[in-house]
Amino acid sequence: MYPIVKHTVRTSAAAATAALLVAALTACGSSEPRKPGSSADQLSADPLTAVRSAADITGRTGSAKAVTELTTESGDKKAVFKGAGGYDYVKRIGRLDIDVPPGAATTGKIVEVVLPGTVYLQNSGAKIPEGKWVKLDIRQLPDGNLVSSGATDPASAAGALRGVVSAELVGSESAGGVELKHYKGTLDLAKAAEATGGRGGDGLRMAAQTFTVKEVPYEAWLDGQGRLHRVTETFSFAGVAGSKLPKDQVKVVSTVQLSDFGQPVQAAEPAASEIYSMKPTASPSK
């Protein structure tokens, strides 16, 4: 059995979302988009400027397809979530279909629809009727939904780069015929939240308050226009609240890959009739 990762959440719905990460261990931007395909942007020669600008430049592409992988490790236990979907920077909405690893409380795929400050989850728990969605305010989740639903959404993953405090160009690589510059360094989630602002920064702000390692290691791959093609971010937090014991620490490595910039993305906010309202837990009698 995997050790349980305990989160403190404010509502039963939030608990259901955080339980996705628990179950696995027990078994972006606000810039105005340009016309898709615009080449007005150019990769900065300064590594710090190049990486900090990646979220805004990527947002100006209009949309992108996404592939995600999130690996959680606690002690000698490990779980891997894989997802695919995309994000529309014009409508500011994205969708990911996430494969649940063996041993989780739910089976099949978790479907996630993300908007600034809000996440909808389908198939997120045994008590949720099939086909129904749970709607959550990102501020209900201690990690701001950066890891608890099995993926870091493309907007948040890119938005975190606005808080980069160090950047080093480590080389060049070719992917799909495109030359990419490879950078690495650390980022500050609180600074990223401030730079992102509004509801889009809420998740980053919550995570900054929860994760134990405040300067998050990252690696980023950018093309000649400065667009983000791949980013890996490593988060750490205490699986048992307040514990500093090594056995209770959880490491999460999140990777998001973007491609097909400007191509349409299928993502829509669920209708009100499709949303399941969880009943609040009754207070104990005195």
Protein backbone atom coordinates (compact mmCIF):
# COMPACT_ATOMS: atom_id res chain seq x y z
CA MET A 1 0.00 0.00 0.00
CA TYR A 2 1.14 3.53 -0.67
CA PRO A 3 1.34 6.00 2.24
CA ILE A 4 -1.58 8.42 2.40
CA VAL A 5 -0.96 12.05 1.50
CA LYS A 6 -3.10 14.23 3.74
CA HIS A 7 -4.37 17.61 2.52
CA THR A 8 -6.42 20.15 4.43
CA VAL A 9 -9.37 21.25 2.28
CA ARG A 10 -12.29 23.56 2.93
CA THR A 11 -15.18 21.66 1.39
CA SER A 12 -16.29 18.12 0.66
CA ALA A 13 -15.94 18.81 -3.06
CA ALA A 14 -12.38 19.97 -2.58
CA ALA A 15 -11.69 16.86 -0.56
CA ALA A 16 -12.88 14.73 -3.48
CA THR A 17 -10.40 16.45 -5.76
CA ALA A 18 -7.45 16.21 -3.40
CA ALA A 19 -8.37 12.54 -2.92
CA LEU A 20 -7.29 11.82 -6.49
CA LEU A 21 -3.65 12.37 -5.60
CA VAL A 22 -4.17 10.66 -2.25
CA ALA A 23 -5.70 7.62 -3.95
CA ALA A 24 -2.78 7.26 -6.31
CA LEU A 25 -0.39 7.19 -3.38
CA THR A 26 -2.57 4.81 -1.39
CA ALA A 27 -2.52 1.94 -3.94
CA CYS A 28 -2.34 30.93 -18.17
CA GLY A 29 -1.95 34.06 -18.83
CA SER A 30 -3.88 37.34 -19.09
CA SER A 31 -2.26 38.69 -22.26
CA GLU A 32 -4.33 39.45 -25.34
CA PRO A 33 -3.88 36.79 -28.03
CA ARG A 34 -2.61 37.69 -31.46
CA LYS A 35 -3.75 36.07 -34.66
CA PRO A 36 -2.67 32.38 -34.60
CA GLY A 37 0.60 31.89 -36.44
CA SER A 38 1.86 35.41 -35.68
CA SER A 39 5.65 35.62 -35.84
CA ALA A 40 5.99 39.08 -34.29
CA ASP A 41 7.53 37.62 -31.14
CA GLN A 42 11.16 36.62 -30.97
CA LEU A 43 13.15 34.66 -28.40
CA SER A 44 15.17 37.01 -26.20
CA ALA A 45 18.94 36.52 -26.06
CA ASP A 46 18.75 37.00 -22.28
CA PRO A 47 17.80 33.66 -20.65
CA LEU A 48 15.89 35.26 -17.75
CA THR A 49 13.81 37.44 -20.07
CA ALA A 50 13.24 34.57 -22.51
CA VAL A 51 11.80 32.23 -19.89
CA ARG A 52 9.78 34.88 -18.04
CA SER A 53 8.20 35.94 -21.35
CA ALA A 54 7.28 32.41 -22.43
CA ALA A 55 3.80 32.41 -20.87
CA ASP A 56 2.71 35.65 -22.57
CA ILE A 57 4.21 34.71 -25.94
CA THR A 58 2.64 31.25 -25.81
CA GLY A 59 -0.68 32.83 -24.92
CA ARG A 60 -0.54 34.93 -28.08
CA THR A 61 -0.56 31.78 -30.25
CA GLY A 62 -4.31 31.39 -29.70
CA SER A 63 -4.32 27.73 -28.61
CA ALA A 64 -2.19 24.61 -28.33
CA LYS A 65 -2.54 20.89 -27.89
CA ALA A 66 -1.07 19.49 -24.68
CA VAL A 67 0.35 16.24 -23.32
CA THR A 68 0.96 16.00 -19.58
CA GLU A 69 2.74 13.66 -17.21
CA LEU A 70 2.74 13.96 -13.44
CA THR A 71 4.85 11.63 -11.27
CA THR A 72 4.39 11.50 -7.50
CA GLU A 73 6.94 9.91 -5.18
CA SER A 74 6.70 9.34 -1.43
CA GLY A 75 9.24 7.08 0.22
CA ASP A 76 9.60 4.05 -2.05
CA LYS A 77 6.16 4.53 -3.60
CA LYS A 78 5.51 6.05 -7.00
CA ALA A 79 2.48 6.84 -9.17
CA VAL A 80 2.32 8.26 -12.70
CA PHE A 81 -0.61 10.19 -14.23
CA LYS A 82 -0.65 10.84 -17.99
CA GLY A 83 -3.00 13.18 -19.81
CA ALA A 84 -3.78 14.75 -23.17
CA GLY A 85 -5.89 17.64 -24.35
CA GLY A 86 -5.31 21.31 -25.03
CA TYR A 87 -5.76 24.92 -23.96
CA ASP A 88 -7.45 27.80 -25.79
CA TYR A 89 -5.81 31.08 -24.78
CA VAL A 90 -8.48 33.16 -26.54
CA LYS A 91 -11.41 31.66 -24.61
CA ARG A 92 -9.14 30.97 -21.61
CA ILE A 93 -10.38 27.40 -21.24
CA GLY A 94 -8.72 24.02 -21.52
CA ARG A 95 -9.49 20.32 -21.25
CA LEU A 96 -7.38 17.35 -20.21
CA ASP A 97 -8.24 13.63 -20.20
CA ILE A 98 -6.08 12.04 -17.51
CA ASP A 99 -5.30 8.33 -17.21
CA VAL A 100 -5.61 7.15 -13.62
CA PRO A 101 -2.80 4.84 -12.44
CA PRO A 102 -3.56 1.38 -10.99
CA GLY A 103 -4.62 1.37 -7.36
CA ALA A 104 -6.49 4.67 -7.40
CA ALA A 105 -10.00 4.97 -5.93
CA THR A 106 -11.46 5.72 -9.34
CA THR A 107 -10.81 3.98 -12.65
CA GLY A 108 -10.53 4.95 -16.30
CA LYS A 109 -9.99 8.64 -17.01
CA ILE A 110 -10.42 11.82 -15.04
CA VAL A 111 -11.70 14.58 -17.32
CA GLU A 112 -10.69 18.08 -16.28
CA VAL A 113 -11.95 21.38 -17.70
CA VAL A 114 -10.03 24.42 -16.46
CA LEU A 115 -10.78 28.12 -16.53
CA PRO A 116 -9.04 30.93 -14.63
CA GLY A 117 -9.74 30.20 -10.96
CA THR A 118 -12.13 27.29 -11.63
CA VAL A 119 -11.81 23.58 -12.37
CA TYR A 120 -14.49 21.05 -13.35
CA LEU A 121 -13.81 17.36 -12.76
CA GLN A 122 -15.65 14.35 -14.16
CA ASN A 123 -15.18 10.81 -12.79
CA SER A 124 -13.27 12.24 -9.83
CA GLY A 125 -14.62 9.95 -7.11
CA ALA A 126 -16.78 6.97 -6.25
CA LYS A 127 -19.56 9.11 -4.77
CA ILE A 128 -19.97 11.25 -7.88
CA PRO A 129 -22.71 10.00 -10.26
CA GLU A 130 -21.39 8.78 -13.61
CA GLY A 131 -21.20 11.53 -16.19
CA LYS A 132 -21.61 14.33 -13.64
CA TRP A 133 -19.09 17.09 -13.03
CA VAL A 134 -17.84 18.61 -9.78
CA LYS A 135 -17.17 22.36 -9.88
CA LEU A 136 -14.41 23.72 -7.65
CA ASP A 137 -13.00 27.13 -6.91
CA ILE A 138 -9.20 26.83 -7.14
CA ARG A 139 -8.98 28.64 -3.80
CA GLN A 140 -10.60 25.58 -2.15
CA LEU A 141 -7.51 23.51 -2.93
CA PRO A 142 -4.30 23.88 -0.88
CA ASP A 143 -2.17 23.22 -3.96
CA GLY A 144 -4.26 25.43 -6.24
CA ASN A 145 -4.88 22.41 -8.51
CA LEU A 146 -1.25 22.37 -9.62
CA VAL A 147 -0.96 18.67 -8.74
CA SER A 148 -4.06 17.34 -6.93
CA SER A 149 -6.07 16.39 -10.02
CA GLY A 150 -3.24 14.48 -11.66
CA ALA A 151 -1.94 17.22 -13.95
CA THR A 152 -0.71 20.80 -14.01
CA ASP A 153 -2.91 22.57 -16.52
CA PRO A 154 -1.10 24.27 -19.44
CA ALA A 155 -2.01 27.79 -18.31
CA SER A 156 -0.66 27.30 -14.77
CA ALA A 157 2.45 25.44 -15.92
CA ALA A 158 3.33 28.30 -18.26
CA GLY A 159 2.20 30.97 -15.81
CA ALA A 160 4.61 29.68 -13.17
CA LEU A 161 7.47 30.77 -15.44
CA ARG A 162 6.54 34.40 -14.84
CA GLY A 163 8.11 33.88 -11.41
CA VAL A 164 11.48 32.66 -12.66
CA VAL A 165 14.34 33.89 -10.44
CA SER A 166 17.21 32.16 -12.27
CA ALA A 167 17.67 30.91 -15.82
CA GLU A 168 20.57 29.24 -17.60
CA LEU A 169 20.76 28.27 -21.25
CA VAL A 170 22.06 24.70 -21.17
CA GLY A 171 21.85 23.79 -24.85
CA SER A 172 19.79 23.34 -28.01
CA GLU A 173 17.68 20.38 -29.11
CA SER A 174 15.57 19.50 -32.14
CA ALA A 175 12.00 18.25 -31.74
CA GLY A 176 9.74 17.61 -34.71
CA GLY A 177 12.08 19.56 -36.93
CA VAL A 178 11.97 22.62 -34.65
CA GLU A 179 15.10 23.86 -32.89
CA LEU A 180 14.47 24.48 -29.23
CA LYS A 181 16.58 26.27 -26.63
CA HIS A 182 16.80 24.38 -23.32
CA TYR A 183 16.81 26.40 -20.09
CA LYS A 184 16.91 25.43 -16.42
CA GLY A 185 16.76 27.23 -13.10
CA THR A 186 14.34 27.97 -10.26
CA LEU A 187 11.07 29.88 -10.00
CA ASP A 188 9.12 31.49 -7.16
CA LEU A 189 5.39 30.64 -7.19
CA ALA A 190 4.43 33.70 -5.12
CA LYS A 191 6.16 35.98 -7.65
CA ALA A 192 4.51 34.05 -10.48
CA ALA A 193 1.08 34.58 -8.90
CA GLU A 194 1.70 38.31 -8.53
CA ALA A 195 2.92 38.62 -12.12
CA THR A 196 -0.04 36.62 -13.47
CA GLY A 197 -2.65 38.44 -11.40
CA GLY A 198 -6.42 38.02 -11.28
CA ARG A 199 -8.16 34.65 -11.05
CA GLY A 200 -5.44 33.13 -13.20
CA GLY A 201 -2.96 33.65 -10.38
CA ASP A 202 -5.07 32.07 -7.64
CA GLY A 203 -3.76 28.54 -8.13
CA LEU A 204 -0.15 29.69 -8.11
CA ARG A 205 -0.81 31.71 -4.96
CA MET A 206 -2.35 28.75 -3.12
CA ALA A 207 0.51 26.46 -4.11
CA ALA A 208 3.06 29.01 -2.95
CA GLN A 209 1.53 28.82 0.52
CA THR A 210 1.47 25.00 0.60
CA PHE A 211 4.59 23.64 -1.05
CA THR A 212 7.55 23.26 1.29
CA VAL A 213 10.23 24.08 -1.30
CA LYS A 214 9.59 27.70 -2.22
CA GLU A 215 12.06 27.94 -5.11
CA VAL A 216 10.75 25.38 -7.58
CA PRO A 217 13.28 23.76 -9.97
CA TYR A 218 12.21 23.88 -13.62
CA GLU A 219 13.41 23.11 -17.14
CA ALA A 220 11.90 24.81 -20.19
CA TRP A 221 12.26 24.38 -23.94
CA LEU A 222 11.45 27.43 -26.15
CA ASP A 223 11.39 27.91 -29.92
CA GLY A 224 12.71 30.85 -31.94
CA GLN A 225 9.55 32.86 -31.28
CA GLY A 226 9.86 32.29 -27.54
CA ARG A 227 6.90 29.88 -27.40
CA LEU A 228 6.91 27.18 -24.76
CA HIS A 229 7.11 23.66 -26.18
CA ARG A 230 7.88 21.79 -22.97
CA VAL A 231 8.23 22.58 -19.29
CA THR A 232 9.09 20.37 -16.30
CA GLU A 233 8.51 21.66 -12.76
CA THR A 234 9.36 19.84 -9.53
CA PHE A 235 7.12 20.49 -6.51
CA SER A 236 7.61 19.26 -2.93
CA PHE A 237 5.24 19.23 0.04
CA ALA A 238 4.58 17.41 3.30
CA GLY A 239 2.19 14.49 2.86
CA VAL A 240 1.47 14.63 6.58
CA ALA A 241 0.65 18.18 7.66
CA GLY A 242 3.46 19.77 9.66
CA SER A 243 5.80 16.80 9.34
CA LYS A 244 9.42 17.31 8.34
CA LEU A 245 10.29 13.62 8.39
CA PRO A 246 11.77 12.43 5.07
CA LYS A 247 9.27 9.54 4.87
CA ASP A 248 6.36 12.00 4.92
CA GLN A 249 7.64 14.24 2.11
CA VAL A 250 6.10 14.03 -1.36
CA LYS A 251 7.90 14.97 -4.56
CA VAL A 252 5.88 15.74 -7.69
CA VAL A 253 7.47 16.12 -11.11
CA SER A 254 5.08 17.71 -13.61
CA THR A 255 5.76 17.89 -17.36
CA VAL A 256 3.62 19.69 -19.94
CA GLN A 257 4.35 19.48 -23.68
CA LEU A 258 2.67 21.87 -26.13
CA SER A 259 2.32 21.49 -29.90
CA ASP A 260 0.10 22.37 -32.88
CA PHE A 261 0.00 26.05 -31.93
CA GLY A 262 -3.07 27.83 -33.24
CA GLN A 263 -5.02 24.64 -33.91
CA PRO A 264 -8.60 24.49 -32.50
CA VAL A 265 -9.04 22.97 -29.05
CA GLN A 266 -12.24 21.19 -28.02
CA ALA A 267 -13.11 22.49 -24.55
CA ALA A 268 -16.42 23.71 -23.15
CA GLU A 269 -17.72 24.62 -19.72
CA PRO A 270 -20.21 21.96 -18.51
CA ALA A 271 -23.88 22.92 -18.44
CA ALA A 272 -25.44 23.62 -15.05
CA SER A 273 -27.58 20.48 -15.36
CA GLU A 274 -24.42 18.37 -15.63
CA ILE A 275 -22.90 19.64 -12.39
CA TYR A 276 -23.25 17.56 -9.22
CA SER A 277 -23.73 19.54 -6.02
CA MET A 278 -22.13 17.76 -3.11
CA LYS A 279 -24.03 17.99 0.15
CA PRO A 280 -22.12 19.60 3.03
CA THR A 281 -21.02 17.30 5.84
CA ALA A 282 -23.40 17.54 8.78
CA SER A 283 -22.00 19.17 11.91
CA PRO A 284 -21.71 16.88 14.96
CA SER A 285 -24.35 17.46 17.58
CA LYS A 286 -23.22 19.10 20.79
